[in-house]
């Protein structure tokens, strides 16, 4: 008799547990289904509206600091390239552009300060060529100093064209705002300097290659 009562108690317990589980699952399904696509969109919109609002000057300061971080890094890179290159014409042009870049840096700092911002001292990661490890190992084993010079010139061109894109975008952006027209003039000047440097690299590439070719040719085995 006692065994039968225990058996019945276990059976009732299982039924209650099953009933509770089904009820919990139903609640979850009901809660999920209540969120229609429209409700989800509203939720996303509310989340976006919670983002911190900043003034136009603050936003422009962020964009200008982006350009400044690039110039901060460019100064360091130009100093390194001047030491690396063996070509006197290239060395002189890089030195000239280093002085231009320092002035660009000063002008950007002034613009940011005028907008009430704080000029950054950080350096951006420049968009230089990044080869796969296997190819890089091969190049390190067989590349001559002359080829390193050519690679540096290629990277110069990549960096200059990236800076052109940044200044071009900034110029158009500021033209859409009520910011003092002097800011647009300053950025236009820097844009012109970057274009001139990029054009110098393009037009002087054949000359650089002619000067460096004998060393490159000498490194190739005669078969």
N, C-alpha and C. Protein backbone atom coordinates (compact mmCIF):
# COMPACT_ATOMS: atom_id res chain seq x y z
N UNK A 1 0.83 -1.21 0.00
CA UNK A 1 0.00 0.00 0.00
C UNK A 1 0.86 1.25 0.00
N UNK A 2 1.88 1.26 0.86
CA UNK A 2 2.81 2.41 0.94
C UNK A 2 3.52 2.62 -0.38
N UNK A 3 3.89 1.49 -1.05
CA UNK A 3 4.57 1.59 -2.34
C UNK A 3 3.68 2.24 -3.38
N UNK A 4 2.40 1.88 -3.40
CA UNK A 4 1.45 2.44 -4.37
C UNK A 4 1.31 3.95 -4.18
N UNK A 5 1.27 4.41 -2.90
CA UNK A 5 1.14 5.84 -2.62
C UNK A 5 2.37 6.62 -3.11
N UNK A 6 3.58 6.05 -2.89
CA UNK A 6 4.81 6.70 -3.35
C UNK A 6 4.83 6.79 -4.87
N UNK A 7 4.35 5.73 -5.54
CA UNK A 7 4.33 5.70 -7.00
C UNK A 7 3.42 6.79 -7.54
N UNK A 8 2.22 6.92 -6.87
CA UNK A 8 1.28 7.97 -7.32
C UNK A 8 1.86 9.37 -7.11
N UNK A 9 2.59 9.56 -6.02
CA UNK A 9 3.18 10.87 -5.72
C UNK A 9 4.22 11.25 -6.77
N UNK A 10 5.04 10.24 -7.17
CA UNK A 10 6.05 10.50 -8.21
C UNK A 10 5.38 10.89 -9.52
N UNK A 11 4.29 10.20 -9.88
CA UNK A 11 3.59 10.45 -11.12
C UNK A 11 3.02 11.87 -11.16
N UNK A 12 2.46 12.31 -10.02
CA UNK A 12 1.90 13.67 -9.95
C UNK A 12 3.00 14.72 -10.06
N UNK A 13 4.15 14.40 -9.45
CA UNK A 13 5.28 15.34 -9.49
C UNK A 13 5.77 15.55 -10.91
N UNK A 14 5.85 14.45 -11.66
CA UNK A 14 6.31 14.53 -13.06
C UNK A 14 5.36 15.37 -13.89
N UNK A 15 4.03 15.20 -13.63
CA UNK A 15 3.04 15.94 -14.39
C UNK A 15 3.16 17.44 -14.12
N UNK A 16 3.38 17.77 -12.80
CA UNK A 16 3.51 19.19 -12.45
C UNK A 16 4.76 19.79 -13.12
N UNK A 17 5.89 19.04 -13.09
CA UNK A 17 7.14 19.52 -13.69
C UNK A 17 6.97 19.75 -15.18
N UNK A 18 6.36 18.79 -15.85
CA UNK A 18 6.12 18.92 -17.28
C UNK A 18 5.24 20.11 -17.59
N UNK A 19 4.22 20.31 -16.76
CA UNK A 19 3.30 21.42 -16.96
C UNK A 19 4.02 22.75 -16.79
N UNK A 20 4.90 22.84 -15.77
CA UNK A 20 5.64 24.07 -15.52
C UNK A 20 6.60 24.38 -16.67
N UNK A 21 7.28 23.33 -17.20
CA UNK A 21 8.22 23.52 -18.30
C UNK A 21 7.51 24.03 -19.54
N UNK A 22 6.34 23.41 -19.84
CA UNK A 22 5.59 23.84 -21.01
C UNK A 22 5.13 25.29 -20.87
N UNK A 23 4.73 25.63 -19.65
CA UNK A 23 4.28 26.99 -19.38
C UNK A 23 5.42 27.99 -19.60
N UNK A 24 6.64 27.64 -19.14
CA UNK A 24 7.80 28.51 -19.29
C UNK A 24 8.17 28.71 -20.76
N UNK A 25 8.13 27.61 -21.51
CA UNK A 25 8.44 27.67 -22.94
C UNK A 25 7.42 28.53 -23.67
N UNK A 26 6.15 28.36 -23.31
CA UNK A 26 5.09 29.15 -23.94
C UNK A 26 5.29 30.63 -23.69
N UNK A 27 5.75 30.96 -22.47
CA UNK A 27 5.98 32.36 -22.12
C UNK A 27 7.09 32.96 -22.97
N UNK A 28 8.18 32.18 -23.15
CA UNK A 28 9.31 32.64 -23.97
C UNK A 28 8.87 32.86 -25.41
N UNK A 29 8.12 31.89 -25.97
CA UNK A 29 7.66 32.00 -27.35
C UNK A 29 6.75 33.20 -27.51
N UNK A 30 5.86 33.38 -26.53
CA UNK A 30 4.93 34.51 -26.58
C UNK A 30 5.67 35.83 -26.53
N UNK A 31 6.70 35.90 -25.68
CA UNK A 31 7.49 37.14 -25.53
C UNK A 31 8.24 37.45 -26.81
N UNK A 32 8.82 36.41 -27.46
CA UNK A 32 9.59 36.61 -28.69
C UNK A 32 8.69 37.04 -29.83
N UNK A 33 7.52 36.39 -29.93
CA UNK A 33 6.63 36.69 -31.04
C UNK A 33 6.00 38.06 -30.93
N UNK A 34 5.98 38.62 -29.69
CA UNK A 34 5.38 39.94 -29.50
C UNK A 34 6.24 41.04 -30.11
N UNK A 35 7.54 40.76 -30.37
CA UNK A 35 8.44 41.75 -30.96
C UNK A 35 8.35 41.68 -32.48
N UNK A 36 7.46 42.45 -33.04
CA UNK A 36 7.29 42.49 -34.48
C UNK A 36 8.45 43.23 -35.12
N UNK A 37 8.65 43.10 -36.44
CA UNK A 37 9.73 43.83 -37.11
C UNK A 37 9.66 45.33 -36.84
N UNK A 38 8.42 45.86 -36.75
CA UNK A 38 8.27 47.29 -36.48
C UNK A 38 8.81 47.65 -35.11
N UNK A 39 8.49 46.79 -34.11
CA UNK A 39 8.99 47.04 -32.75
C UNK A 39 10.51 46.96 -32.69
N UNK A 40 11.08 46.02 -33.45
CA UNK A 40 12.53 45.87 -33.47
C UNK A 40 13.18 47.11 -34.06
N UNK A 41 12.58 47.64 -35.16
CA UNK A 41 13.11 48.86 -35.76
C UNK A 41 13.05 50.03 -34.80
N UNK A 42 11.94 50.11 -34.07
CA UNK A 42 11.81 51.19 -33.09
C UNK A 42 12.88 51.07 -32.01
N UNK A 43 13.14 49.82 -31.60
CA UNK A 43 14.13 49.59 -30.55
C UNK A 43 15.52 50.03 -31.02
N UNK A 44 15.86 49.71 -32.31
CA UNK A 44 17.15 50.11 -32.88
C UNK A 44 17.25 51.62 -32.96
N UNK A 45 16.13 52.26 -33.36
CA UNK A 45 16.12 53.71 -33.49
C UNK A 45 16.34 54.39 -32.15
N UNK A 46 15.66 53.83 -31.10
CA UNK A 46 15.83 54.39 -29.77
C UNK A 46 17.27 54.24 -29.29
N UNK A 47 17.87 53.06 -29.62
CA UNK A 47 19.26 52.81 -29.23
C UNK A 47 20.20 53.80 -29.91
N UNK A 48 19.94 54.09 -31.19
CA UNK A 48 20.78 55.03 -31.93
C UNK A 48 20.64 56.44 -31.38
N UNK A 49 19.42 56.80 -30.98
CA UNK A 49 19.19 58.16 -30.49
C UNK A 49 19.84 58.39 -29.14
N UNK A 50 20.21 57.28 -28.44
CA UNK A 50 20.85 57.43 -27.14
C UNK A 50 22.32 57.79 -27.26
N UNK A 51 22.90 57.67 -28.49
CA UNK A 51 24.31 58.01 -28.68
C UNK A 51 24.54 59.47 -28.31
N UNK A 52 25.70 59.74 -27.75
CA UNK A 52 26.01 61.09 -27.29
C UNK A 52 26.02 62.06 -28.47
N UNK A 53 25.27 63.12 -28.35
CA UNK A 53 25.22 64.15 -29.37
C UNK A 53 26.39 65.12 -29.18
N UNK A 54 27.06 65.49 -30.28
CA UNK A 54 28.17 66.45 -30.18
C UNK A 54 27.90 67.59 -31.15
N UNK A 55 28.53 68.71 -30.89
CA UNK A 55 28.33 69.89 -31.72
C UNK A 55 29.05 69.73 -33.06
N UNK A 56 28.71 70.61 -34.00
CA UNK A 56 29.36 70.58 -35.31
C UNK A 56 30.86 70.81 -35.17
N UNK A 57 31.25 71.77 -34.34
CA UNK A 57 32.67 72.06 -34.14
C UNK A 57 33.42 70.86 -33.59
N UNK A 58 32.78 70.14 -32.66
CA UNK A 58 33.41 68.95 -32.08
C UNK A 58 33.59 67.87 -33.14
N UNK A 59 32.56 67.70 -33.98
CA UNK A 59 32.63 66.68 -35.04
C UNK A 59 33.73 67.03 -36.05
N UNK A 60 33.79 68.30 -36.44
CA UNK A 60 34.84 68.73 -37.37
C UNK A 60 36.21 68.56 -36.74
N UNK A 61 36.30 68.79 -35.43
CA UNK A 61 37.56 68.60 -34.73
C UNK A 61 38.04 67.16 -34.81
N UNK A 62 37.10 66.22 -34.76
CA UNK A 62 37.45 64.80 -34.88
C UNK A 62 38.02 64.51 -36.26
N UNK A 63 37.37 65.03 -37.31
CA UNK A 63 37.84 64.81 -38.68
C UNK A 63 39.22 65.44 -38.90
N UNK A 64 39.40 66.64 -38.36
CA UNK A 64 40.69 67.32 -38.52
C UNK A 64 41.79 66.60 -37.74
N UNK A 65 41.44 66.05 -36.59
CA UNK A 65 42.43 65.28 -35.83
C UNK A 65 42.81 63.99 -36.55
N UNK A 66 41.87 63.46 -37.32
CA UNK A 66 42.21 62.28 -38.13
C UNK A 66 43.32 62.64 -39.11
N UNK A 67 43.16 63.79 -39.79
CA UNK A 67 44.19 64.25 -40.72
C UNK A 67 45.50 64.55 -39.99
N UNK A 68 45.38 65.14 -38.81
CA UNK A 68 46.57 65.49 -38.03
C UNK A 68 47.34 64.23 -37.61
N UNK A 69 46.64 63.19 -37.23
CA UNK A 69 47.31 61.95 -36.83
C UNK A 69 48.08 61.35 -38.01
N UNK A 70 47.56 61.54 -39.22
CA UNK A 70 48.26 61.06 -40.42
C UNK A 70 49.54 61.87 -40.64
N UNK A 71 49.43 63.20 -40.49
CA UNK A 71 50.62 64.04 -40.66
C UNK A 71 51.66 63.77 -39.58
N UNK A 72 51.21 63.50 -38.36
CA UNK A 72 52.15 63.16 -37.28
C UNK A 72 52.98 61.93 -37.66
N UNK A 73 52.30 60.95 -38.23
CA UNK A 73 52.99 59.72 -38.64
C UNK A 73 53.85 59.96 -39.89
N UNK A 74 53.36 60.83 -40.78
CA UNK A 74 54.09 61.10 -42.02
C UNK A 74 55.43 61.77 -41.77
N UNK A 75 55.47 62.65 -40.78
CA UNK A 75 56.73 63.33 -40.44
C UNK A 75 57.79 62.31 -40.05
N UNK A 76 57.39 61.37 -39.20
CA UNK A 76 58.33 60.32 -38.76
C UNK A 76 58.77 59.47 -39.94
N UNK A 77 57.85 59.15 -40.83
CA UNK A 77 58.19 58.31 -41.98
C UNK A 77 59.10 59.04 -42.95
N UNK A 78 58.83 60.31 -43.22
CA UNK A 78 59.68 61.09 -44.13
C UNK A 78 61.10 61.20 -43.61
N UNK A 79 61.24 61.39 -42.32
CA UNK A 79 62.58 61.46 -41.72
C UNK A 79 63.34 60.16 -41.94
N UNK A 80 62.63 59.04 -41.83
CA UNK A 80 63.24 57.74 -42.05
C UNK A 80 63.62 57.54 -43.52
N UNK A 81 62.74 57.98 -44.42
CA UNK A 81 63.00 57.83 -45.86
C UNK A 81 64.20 58.68 -46.31
N UNK A 82 64.34 59.86 -45.73
CA UNK A 82 65.46 60.73 -46.09
C UNK A 82 66.79 60.04 -45.76
N UNK A 83 66.82 59.36 -44.65
CA UNK A 83 68.03 58.63 -44.26
C UNK A 83 68.25 57.41 -45.13
N UNK A 84 67.17 56.79 -45.60
CA UNK A 84 67.27 55.53 -46.34
C UNK A 84 67.72 55.70 -47.78
N UNK A 85 67.14 56.68 -48.49
CA UNK A 85 67.37 56.76 -49.93
C UNK A 85 68.79 57.18 -50.28
N UNK A 86 69.31 56.59 -51.35
CA UNK A 86 70.65 56.93 -51.85
C UNK A 86 70.58 57.93 -52.98
N UNK A 87 69.35 58.19 -53.45
CA UNK A 87 69.16 59.08 -54.59
C UNK A 87 69.07 60.53 -54.11
N UNK A 88 69.98 61.36 -54.58
CA UNK A 88 70.07 62.74 -54.09
C UNK A 88 68.83 63.56 -54.46
N UNK A 89 68.32 63.37 -55.67
CA UNK A 89 67.11 64.11 -56.07
C UNK A 89 65.94 63.75 -55.16
N UNK A 90 65.80 62.46 -54.89
CA UNK A 90 64.72 61.99 -54.03
C UNK A 90 64.90 62.51 -52.60
N UNK A 91 66.14 62.50 -52.14
CA UNK A 91 66.44 62.99 -50.78
C UNK A 91 66.04 64.46 -50.64
N UNK A 92 66.38 65.27 -51.66
CA UNK A 92 66.04 66.69 -51.62
C UNK A 92 64.53 66.91 -51.65
N UNK A 93 63.84 66.13 -52.50
CA UNK A 93 62.39 66.28 -52.60
C UNK A 93 61.70 65.85 -51.30
N UNK A 94 62.17 64.77 -50.72
CA UNK A 94 61.61 64.30 -49.45
C UNK A 94 61.84 65.32 -48.33
N UNK A 95 63.02 65.94 -48.34
CA UNK A 95 63.32 66.97 -47.35
C UNK A 95 62.39 68.17 -47.52
N UNK A 96 62.17 68.54 -48.77
CA UNK A 96 61.26 69.65 -49.07
C UNK A 96 59.84 69.33 -48.58
N UNK A 97 59.41 68.10 -48.85
CA UNK A 97 58.05 67.73 -48.45
C UNK A 97 57.95 67.56 -46.93
N UNK A 98 59.04 67.21 -46.28
CA UNK A 98 59.04 67.14 -44.81
C UNK A 98 58.73 68.51 -44.22
N UNK A 99 59.35 69.55 -44.78
CA UNK A 99 59.09 70.92 -44.30
C UNK A 99 57.64 71.31 -44.57
N UNK A 100 57.12 70.92 -45.73
CA UNK A 100 55.71 71.19 -46.04
C UNK A 100 54.80 70.48 -45.03
N UNK A 101 55.13 69.24 -44.73
CA UNK A 101 54.31 68.45 -43.83
C UNK A 101 54.30 69.03 -42.41
N UNK A 102 55.44 69.56 -41.99
CA UNK A 102 55.49 70.20 -40.67
C UNK A 102 54.57 71.43 -40.63
N UNK A 103 54.51 72.16 -41.75
CA UNK A 103 53.61 73.32 -41.83
C UNK A 103 52.16 72.86 -41.86
N UNK A 104 51.89 71.77 -42.57
CA UNK A 104 50.53 71.22 -42.59
C UNK A 104 50.09 70.83 -41.17
N UNK A 105 51.01 70.24 -40.45
CA UNK A 105 50.75 69.85 -39.07
C UNK A 105 50.39 71.06 -38.21
N UNK A 106 51.17 72.13 -38.36
CA UNK A 106 50.91 73.36 -37.59
C UNK A 106 49.54 73.95 -37.94
N UNK A 107 49.23 73.97 -39.23
CA UNK A 107 47.95 74.55 -39.67
C UNK A 107 46.76 73.75 -39.13
N UNK A 108 46.89 72.43 -39.15
CA UNK A 108 45.81 71.59 -38.62
C UNK A 108 45.63 71.82 -37.12
N UNK A 109 46.73 71.93 -36.40
CA UNK A 109 46.65 72.19 -34.96
C UNK A 109 45.90 73.49 -34.68
N UNK A 110 46.22 74.51 -35.50
CA UNK A 110 45.58 75.81 -35.31
C UNK A 110 44.08 75.74 -35.60
N UNK A 111 43.72 75.04 -36.68
CA UNK A 111 42.30 74.89 -37.02
C UNK A 111 41.53 74.19 -35.91
N UNK A 112 42.11 73.13 -35.38
CA UNK A 112 41.45 72.36 -34.31
C UNK A 112 41.29 73.23 -33.06
N UNK A 113 42.33 73.99 -32.73
CA UNK A 113 42.27 74.87 -31.57
C UNK A 113 41.21 75.95 -31.77
N UNK A 114 41.13 76.50 -32.98
CA UNK A 114 40.13 77.53 -33.28
C UNK A 114 38.70 77.01 -33.10
N UNK A 115 38.52 75.72 -33.31
CA UNK A 115 37.19 75.10 -33.15
C UNK A 115 36.92 74.69 -31.71
N UNK A 116 37.89 74.96 -30.84
CA UNK A 116 37.71 74.62 -29.43
C UNK A 116 38.15 73.21 -29.09
N UNK A 117 38.86 72.55 -30.00
CA UNK A 117 39.29 71.18 -29.77
C UNK A 117 40.73 71.09 -29.28
N UNK A 118 41.17 69.87 -29.06
CA UNK A 118 42.54 69.61 -28.60
C UNK A 118 43.28 68.82 -29.67
N UNK A 119 44.33 69.40 -30.23
CA UNK A 119 45.09 68.68 -31.27
C UNK A 119 45.70 67.39 -30.72
N UNK A 120 45.55 66.31 -31.49
CA UNK A 120 46.10 65.02 -31.06
C UNK A 120 47.60 64.94 -31.30
N UNK A 121 48.27 64.18 -30.45
CA UNK A 121 49.69 63.89 -30.64
C UNK A 121 49.89 62.46 -31.15
N UNK A 122 48.80 61.73 -31.28
CA UNK A 122 48.87 60.33 -31.72
C UNK A 122 49.21 60.25 -33.20
N UNK A 123 49.74 59.09 -33.58
CA UNK A 123 50.12 58.85 -34.97
C UNK A 123 49.22 57.77 -35.57
N UNK A 124 48.71 58.05 -36.75
CA UNK A 124 47.89 57.07 -37.46
C UNK A 124 48.77 55.96 -38.02
N UNK A 125 48.15 54.83 -38.35
CA UNK A 125 48.87 53.76 -39.03
C UNK A 125 48.77 54.04 -40.53
N UNK A 126 49.87 54.35 -41.15
CA UNK A 126 49.87 54.74 -42.56
C UNK A 126 49.59 53.54 -43.46
N UNK A 127 48.93 53.77 -44.60
CA UNK A 127 48.54 52.67 -45.49
C UNK A 127 49.68 52.20 -46.39
N UNK A 128 50.77 51.73 -45.79
CA UNK A 128 51.88 51.22 -46.60
C UNK A 128 51.59 49.78 -47.01
N UNK A 129 52.33 49.30 -48.01
CA UNK A 129 52.10 47.96 -48.53
C UNK A 129 52.44 46.91 -47.46
N UNK A 130 51.55 45.95 -47.32
CA UNK A 130 51.77 44.87 -46.34
C UNK A 130 51.69 43.53 -47.08
N UNK A 131 52.84 42.92 -47.29
CA UNK A 131 52.91 41.68 -48.07
C UNK A 131 52.69 40.46 -47.18
N UNK A 132 52.25 39.33 -47.76
CA UNK A 132 52.13 38.09 -46.98
C UNK A 132 53.50 37.64 -46.46
N UNK A 133 53.50 36.98 -45.33
CA UNK A 133 54.75 36.61 -44.67
C UNK A 133 55.67 35.79 -45.57
N UNK A 134 55.10 34.86 -46.33
CA UNK A 134 55.93 34.00 -47.19
C UNK A 134 56.68 34.82 -48.24
N UNK A 135 55.99 35.79 -48.83
CA UNK A 135 56.62 36.63 -49.85
C UNK A 135 57.62 37.58 -49.22
N UNK A 136 57.29 38.09 -48.05
CA UNK A 136 58.20 39.01 -47.36
C UNK A 136 59.51 38.33 -47.01
N UNK A 137 59.44 37.07 -46.57
CA UNK A 137 60.66 36.32 -46.23
C UNK A 137 61.56 36.15 -47.46
N UNK A 138 60.94 35.88 -48.61
CA UNK A 138 61.70 35.73 -49.85
C UNK A 138 62.38 37.04 -50.25
N UNK A 139 61.62 38.12 -50.14
CA UNK A 139 62.17 39.43 -50.50
C UNK A 139 63.33 39.82 -49.59
N UNK A 140 63.21 39.53 -48.32
CA UNK A 140 64.27 39.87 -47.39
C UNK A 140 65.57 39.13 -47.72
N UNK A 141 65.42 37.94 -48.26
CA UNK A 141 66.60 37.13 -48.58
C UNK A 141 67.28 37.56 -49.87
N UNK A 142 66.51 38.16 -50.79
CA UNK A 142 67.06 38.42 -52.12
C UNK A 142 66.99 39.88 -52.57
N UNK A 143 66.33 40.75 -51.81
CA UNK A 143 66.17 42.14 -52.23
C UNK A 143 67.44 42.96 -51.98
N UNK A 144 67.80 43.77 -52.96
CA UNK A 144 68.97 44.64 -52.83
C UNK A 144 68.57 45.98 -52.21
N UNK A 145 69.57 46.77 -51.83
CA UNK A 145 69.32 48.10 -51.28
C UNK A 145 68.62 48.98 -52.32
N UNK A 146 68.96 48.78 -53.58
CA UNK A 146 68.33 49.54 -54.66
C UNK A 146 66.83 49.23 -54.74
N UNK A 147 66.48 47.96 -54.56
CA UNK A 147 65.07 47.58 -54.61
C UNK A 147 64.31 48.09 -53.38
N UNK A 148 65.01 48.15 -52.24
CA UNK A 148 64.41 48.75 -51.05
C UNK A 148 64.06 50.22 -51.31
N UNK A 149 64.94 50.88 -52.05
CA UNK A 149 64.70 52.28 -52.40
C UNK A 149 63.46 52.41 -53.28
N UNK A 150 63.33 51.53 -54.24
CA UNK A 150 62.16 51.55 -55.12
C UNK A 150 60.87 51.25 -54.35
N UNK A 151 60.98 50.29 -53.45
CA UNK A 151 59.81 49.95 -52.62
C UNK A 151 59.41 51.15 -51.77
N UNK A 152 60.41 51.86 -51.26
CA UNK A 152 60.11 53.06 -50.48
C UNK A 152 59.37 54.10 -51.31
N UNK A 153 59.77 54.25 -52.57
CA UNK A 153 59.11 55.21 -53.47
C UNK A 153 57.66 54.78 -53.74
N UNK A 154 57.44 53.48 -53.90
CA UNK A 154 56.07 52.99 -54.10
C UNK A 154 55.21 53.32 -52.89
N UNK A 155 55.76 53.10 -51.70
CA UNK A 155 55.01 53.39 -50.48
C UNK A 155 54.79 54.89 -50.30
N UNK A 156 55.77 55.70 -50.75
CA UNK A 156 55.58 57.16 -50.73
C UNK A 156 54.34 57.53 -51.53
N UNK A 157 54.21 56.93 -52.70
CA UNK A 157 53.08 57.22 -53.58
C UNK A 157 51.75 56.81 -52.93
N UNK A 158 51.75 55.65 -52.29
CA UNK A 158 50.53 55.16 -51.62
C UNK A 158 50.11 56.13 -50.52
N UNK A 159 51.06 56.55 -49.70
CA UNK A 159 50.77 57.46 -48.59
C UNK A 159 50.28 58.81 -49.11
N UNK A 160 50.96 59.34 -50.12
CA UNK A 160 50.57 60.65 -50.66
C UNK A 160 49.15 60.63 -51.22
N UNK A 161 48.81 59.57 -51.94
CA UNK A 161 47.47 59.49 -52.51
C UNK A 161 46.40 59.29 -51.44
N UNK A 162 46.77 58.62 -50.36
CA UNK A 162 45.83 58.50 -49.23
C UNK A 162 45.59 59.87 -48.61
N UNK A 163 46.64 60.66 -48.46
CA UNK A 163 46.51 62.01 -47.90
C UNK A 163 45.69 62.91 -48.82
N UNK A 164 45.85 62.74 -50.12
CA UNK A 164 45.05 63.49 -51.08
C UNK A 164 43.56 63.21 -50.86
N UNK A 165 43.22 61.93 -50.69
CA UNK A 165 41.82 61.55 -50.46
C UNK A 165 41.29 62.18 -49.18
N UNK A 166 42.09 62.17 -48.13
CA UNK A 166 41.67 62.73 -46.84
C UNK A 166 41.42 64.23 -46.95
N UNK A 167 42.37 64.97 -47.53
CA UNK A 167 42.23 66.42 -47.65
C UNK A 167 41.11 66.81 -48.62
N UNK A 168 40.95 66.03 -49.68
CA UNK A 168 39.88 66.31 -50.64
C UNK A 168 38.51 66.15 -49.96
N UNK A 169 38.35 65.08 -49.19
CA UNK A 169 37.09 64.85 -48.48
C UNK A 169 36.84 65.94 -47.44
N UNK A 170 37.89 66.31 -46.70
CA UNK A 170 37.75 67.35 -45.67
C UNK A 170 37.36 68.69 -46.28
N UNK A 171 37.96 69.02 -47.41
CA UNK A 171 37.65 70.29 -48.08
C UNK A 171 36.19 70.36 -48.47
N UNK A 172 35.69 69.30 -49.09
CA UNK A 172 34.27 69.26 -49.49
C UNK A 172 33.37 69.29 -48.26
N UNK A 173 33.78 68.62 -47.21
CA UNK A 173 32.97 68.58 -45.98
C UNK A 173 32.84 69.97 -45.36
N UNK A 174 33.96 70.68 -45.25
CA UNK A 174 33.91 72.01 -44.64
C UNK A 174 33.14 73.01 -45.49
N UNK A 175 33.12 72.79 -46.79
CA UNK A 175 32.35 73.68 -47.67
C UNK A 175 30.85 73.56 -47.42
N UNK A 176 30.42 72.45 -46.80
CA UNK A 176 29.01 72.25 -46.47
C UNK A 176 28.62 72.92 -45.15
N UNK A 177 29.60 73.42 -44.42
CA UNK A 177 29.35 73.95 -43.08
C UNK A 177 29.54 75.48 -43.06
N UNK A 178 29.04 76.11 -41.99
CA UNK A 178 29.22 77.57 -41.86
C UNK A 178 30.56 77.98 -41.28
N UNK A 179 31.52 77.04 -41.23
CA UNK A 179 32.83 77.33 -40.68
C UNK A 179 33.53 78.39 -41.54
N UNK A 180 34.37 79.19 -40.89
CA UNK A 180 35.12 80.26 -41.57
C UNK A 180 35.79 79.74 -42.84
N UNK A 181 35.69 80.52 -43.91
CA UNK A 181 36.25 80.12 -45.20
C UNK A 181 37.76 79.95 -45.18
N UNK A 182 38.42 80.52 -44.18
CA UNK A 182 39.87 80.38 -44.08
C UNK A 182 40.27 78.91 -43.88
N UNK A 183 39.42 78.16 -43.18
CA UNK A 183 39.71 76.74 -42.94
C UNK A 183 39.76 75.98 -44.27
N UNK A 184 38.82 76.29 -45.17
CA UNK A 184 38.81 75.63 -46.48
C UNK A 184 40.07 76.00 -47.26
N UNK A 185 40.48 77.26 -47.17
CA UNK A 185 41.69 77.72 -47.86
C UNK A 185 42.92 76.98 -47.35
N UNK A 186 42.99 76.78 -46.03
CA UNK A 186 44.12 76.07 -45.42
C UNK A 186 44.20 74.63 -45.92
N UNK A 187 43.05 73.96 -45.95
CA UNK A 187 43.01 72.57 -46.39
C UNK A 187 43.30 72.45 -47.88
N UNK A 188 42.84 73.43 -48.66
CA UNK A 188 43.11 73.44 -50.10
C UNK A 188 44.61 73.57 -50.36
N UNK A 189 45.29 74.37 -49.55
CA UNK A 189 46.74 74.52 -49.69
C UNK A 189 47.45 73.19 -49.43
N UNK A 190 47.04 72.50 -48.36
CA UNK A 190 47.65 71.20 -48.03
C UNK A 190 47.35 70.17 -49.12
N UNK A 191 46.12 70.21 -49.65
CA UNK A 191 45.74 69.30 -50.73
C UNK A 191 46.64 69.51 -51.95
N UNK A 192 46.89 70.77 -52.29
CA UNK A 192 47.76 71.06 -53.43
C UNK A 192 49.17 70.56 -53.23
N UNK A 193 49.68 70.68 -52.00
CA UNK A 193 51.04 70.21 -51.70
C UNK A 193 51.14 68.69 -51.81
N UNK A 194 50.11 68.00 -51.36
CA UNK A 194 50.12 66.52 -51.47
C UNK A 194 50.04 66.09 -52.93
N UNK A 195 49.24 66.79 -53.72
CA UNK A 195 49.13 66.46 -55.14
C UNK A 195 50.47 66.69 -55.85
N UNK A 196 51.15 67.76 -55.50
CA UNK A 196 52.45 68.06 -56.12
C UNK A 196 53.47 66.97 -55.80
N UNK A 197 53.46 66.51 -54.55
CA UNK A 197 54.40 65.45 -54.15
C UNK A 197 54.08 64.14 -54.87
N UNK A 198 52.79 63.81 -54.95
CA UNK A 198 52.39 62.58 -55.64
C UNK A 198 52.79 62.64 -57.12
N UNK A 199 52.62 63.80 -57.73
CA UNK A 199 52.98 63.96 -59.15
C UNK A 199 54.50 63.87 -59.33
N UNK A 200 55.26 64.42 -58.38
CA UNK A 200 56.72 64.32 -58.47
C UNK A 200 57.16 62.86 -58.46
N UNK A 201 56.58 62.08 -57.58
CA UNK A 201 56.93 60.65 -57.50
C UNK A 201 56.59 59.95 -58.81
N UNK A 202 55.40 60.23 -59.34
CA UNK A 202 54.96 59.58 -60.59
C UNK A 202 55.88 59.93 -61.75
N UNK A 203 56.17 61.21 -61.89
CA UNK A 203 56.96 61.64 -63.05
C UNK A 203 58.44 61.28 -62.92
N UNK A 204 58.92 61.09 -61.70
CA UNK A 204 60.34 60.77 -61.50
C UNK A 204 60.62 59.28 -61.33
N UNK A 205 59.59 58.46 -61.35
CA UNK A 205 59.79 57.02 -61.22
C UNK A 205 60.71 56.46 -62.29
N UNK A 206 60.54 56.81 -63.58
CA UNK A 206 61.47 56.28 -64.60
C UNK A 206 62.93 56.68 -64.34
N UNK A 207 63.15 57.91 -63.84
CA UNK A 207 64.51 58.37 -63.56
C UNK A 207 65.11 57.57 -62.40
N UNK A 208 64.30 57.38 -61.35
CA UNK A 208 64.78 56.61 -60.20
C UNK A 208 65.12 55.19 -60.61
N UNK A 209 64.26 54.60 -61.43
CA UNK A 209 64.49 53.22 -61.88
C UNK A 209 65.76 53.12 -62.71
N UNK A 210 65.99 54.10 -63.57
CA UNK A 210 67.21 54.12 -64.40
C UNK A 210 68.46 54.17 -63.52
N UNK A 211 68.40 54.98 -62.48
CA UNK A 211 69.55 55.13 -61.59
C UNK A 211 69.80 53.87 -60.75
N UNK A 212 68.74 53.19 -60.39
CA UNK A 212 68.88 52.03 -59.50
C UNK A 212 69.03 50.71 -60.25
N UNK A 213 68.70 50.70 -61.54
CA UNK A 213 68.68 49.46 -62.28
C UNK A 213 70.02 48.71 -62.32
N UNK A 214 71.16 49.38 -62.50
CA UNK A 214 72.43 48.63 -62.54
C UNK A 214 72.65 47.75 -61.31
N UNK A 215 72.33 48.25 -60.13
CA UNK A 215 72.49 47.44 -58.91
C UNK A 215 71.51 46.27 -58.88
N UNK A 216 70.31 46.51 -59.37
CA UNK A 216 69.30 45.44 -59.40
C UNK A 216 69.72 44.37 -60.40
N UNK A 217 70.18 44.80 -61.57
CA UNK A 217 70.60 43.87 -62.63
C UNK A 217 71.80 43.03 -62.16
N UNK A 218 72.71 43.66 -61.43
CA UNK A 218 73.91 42.97 -60.94
C UNK A 218 73.59 41.87 -59.95
N UNK A 219 72.42 41.96 -59.32
CA UNK A 219 72.06 40.97 -58.30
C UNK A 219 71.42 39.72 -58.90
N UNK A 220 71.14 39.78 -60.21
CA UNK A 220 70.50 38.64 -60.87
C UNK A 220 71.56 37.71 -61.43
N UNK A 221 71.41 36.44 -61.18
CA UNK A 221 72.41 35.47 -61.62
C UNK A 221 72.35 35.31 -63.13
N UNK A 222 73.50 35.17 -63.74
CA UNK A 222 73.59 34.96 -65.19
C UNK A 222 73.48 33.46 -65.47
N UNK A 223 72.48 33.09 -66.25
CA UNK A 223 72.28 31.66 -66.55
C UNK A 223 72.50 31.38 -68.03
